[in-house]
Protein backbone atom coordinates (compact mmCIF):
# COMPACT_ATOMS: atom_id res chain seq x y z
CA MET A 1 101.68 114.24 101.87
CA VAL A 2 104.91 113.59 99.81
CA LYS A 3 107.08 110.79 99.44
CA ARG A 4 110.39 111.44 98.21
CA LYS A 5 113.85 110.05 97.77
CA ASN A 6 117.31 111.57 99.62
CA CYS A 7 120.80 109.37 99.22
CA GLY A 8 118.97 106.39 99.00
CA ILE A 9 116.96 107.06 101.98
CA ALA A 10 113.09 107.19 101.60
CA THR A 11 111.84 110.12 103.57
CA THR A 12 107.74 111.34 104.01
CA ILE A 13 106.83 114.41 103.84
CA ILE A 14 103.46 116.44 104.39
CA THR A 15 103.00 119.77 102.03
CA ASP A 16 100.59 122.28 102.50
CA THR A 17 98.20 122.41 99.95
CA GLU A 18 98.39 125.87 99.21
CA ARG A 19 101.22 127.42 97.29
CA SER A 20 104.02 129.00 99.05
CA ASP A 21 107.41 130.16 97.22
CA MET A 22 109.61 127.01 97.31
CA ALA A 23 111.98 124.99 95.37
CA LEU A 24 110.72 122.15 93.45
CA LEU A 25 111.29 118.67 93.98
CA ILE A 26 110.88 115.42 92.41
CA THR A 27 109.12 112.36 93.79
CA ASP A 28 109.61 108.55 93.84
CA ASP A 29 106.54 108.55 91.86
CA CYS A 30 109.04 109.76 88.77
CA ILE A 31 108.66 106.97 86.06
CA ASN A 32 111.81 108.63 84.40
CA CYS A 33 110.12 109.42 80.87
CA ASP A 34 112.78 112.30 80.72
CA VAL A 35 110.13 115.33 79.51
CA CYS A 36 111.09 117.30 82.44
CA GLU A 37 114.85 117.77 81.72
CA PRO A 38 114.85 119.35 78.29
CA GLU A 39 112.22 121.42 79.54
CA CYS A 40 114.11 123.45 82.22
CA PRO A 41 115.43 126.47 81.25
CA ASN A 42 118.34 126.43 83.62
CA GLU A 43 119.49 123.07 83.51
CA ALA A 44 118.61 122.21 86.91
CA ILE A 45 117.42 118.61 86.37
CA TYR A 46 119.29 115.68 86.36
CA MET A 47 119.88 111.85 86.33
CA GLY A 48 120.25 111.21 90.09
CA ALA A 49 120.58 106.99 90.84
CA GLU A 50 117.14 106.54 90.21
CA ILE A 51 115.33 109.06 89.43
CA TYR A 52 115.43 112.91 88.33
CA GLU A 53 115.78 115.18 90.58
CA ILE A 54 116.34 119.34 90.31
CA ASP A 55 119.51 121.34 91.77
CA PRO A 56 118.08 123.37 94.20
CA ASN A 57 120.22 126.11 93.64
CA LYS A 58 119.43 126.30 90.02
CA CYS A 59 115.77 125.88 89.95
CA THR A 60 114.05 128.99 89.69
CA GLU A 61 110.75 128.00 89.48
CA CYS A 62 111.09 129.08 85.58
CA VAL A 63 111.13 132.82 87.34
CA GLY A 64 112.20 134.90 84.84
CA HIS A 65 111.81 132.75 82.27
CA TYR A 66 107.85 131.70 82.35
CA THR A 67 104.76 131.99 84.37
CA GLU A 68 104.65 128.35 85.66
CA PRO A 69 107.26 125.93 86.45
CA GLN A 70 108.08 124.10 82.74
CA CYS A 71 108.65 120.59 84.46
CA GLN A 72 105.45 120.77 86.42
CA GLN A 73 103.37 121.74 82.76
CA VAL A 74 104.84 118.70 81.49
CA CYS A 75 104.80 115.48 83.78
CA PRO A 76 102.87 113.34 82.65
CA VAL A 77 102.08 111.65 86.68
CA ALA A 78 102.15 115.04 88.43
CA CYS A 79 105.26 113.81 90.92
CA ILE A 80 107.24 117.35 90.79
CA PRO A 81 105.92 119.28 93.60
CA PHE A 82 107.21 122.12 95.67
CA ASP A 83 109.63 121.52 97.98
CA PRO A 84 108.61 122.69 101.98
CA ALA A 85 112.00 121.90 102.90
CA TRP A 86 113.29 125.07 100.73
CA ARG A 87 111.23 128.03 100.67
CA GLU A 88 112.36 131.01 98.14
CA THR A 89 110.40 133.97 97.79
CA PRO A 90 109.72 136.09 94.16
CA GLU A 91 112.54 138.56 94.46
CA GLN A 92 115.00 135.47 95.41
CA LEU A 93 113.77 133.76 92.44
CA LEU A 94 114.44 136.68 90.52
CA ALA A 95 117.92 137.30 92.04
CA LYS A 96 119.28 133.86 91.03
CA TYR A 97 117.29 134.11 87.73
CA GLU A 98 119.74 136.85 87.50
CA ARG A 99 122.62 135.56 89.20
CA LEU A 100 122.14 132.37 86.74
CA GLN A 101 122.19 134.49 83.43
CA ARG A 102 124.96 136.65 84.29
CA ALA A 103 127.06 133.15 84.87
CA ALA A 104 125.79 131.68 81.85
CA SER A 105 127.34 134.82 79.63
CA ALA A 106 130.13 135.05 81.35
CA PRO A 107 133.06 134.86 79.33
CA PRO A 108 135.37 132.08 79.89
CA ALA A 109 138.24 132.45 82.22
CA ALA A 110 141.72 133.07 80.79
CA GLY A 111 143.42 129.81 79.99
CA ALA A 112 140.22 128.09 80.41
CA PRO A 113 140.21 125.31 77.33
CA THR A 114 137.62 126.30 74.53
CA GLN A 115 135.57 124.02 71.59
CA ASN A 116 136.26 124.58 68.29
């Protein structure tokens, strides 16, 4: 069982003990220790209203970067389980990784401000 805050409303999610490909989520057991955010190669982890959160549209479970999700590896309180509400196949995770990489390496749009 995983406790999760979503928009300030506490919900309970029953999870399987076996892993099926899913995005990750950060539960309300998070202690805001700041170690997971810099480990995310896709910048999917950000500070939410009370605890860190994961953008499932950016989370690839580190597919394309590492063999294991790095946030799970460094979390001292093990509060980053797989999210049973967001299922993705390894192929979908790899396609998301490739899309994110293309977007990150795309040149700025014409007329967009540049940093000096």
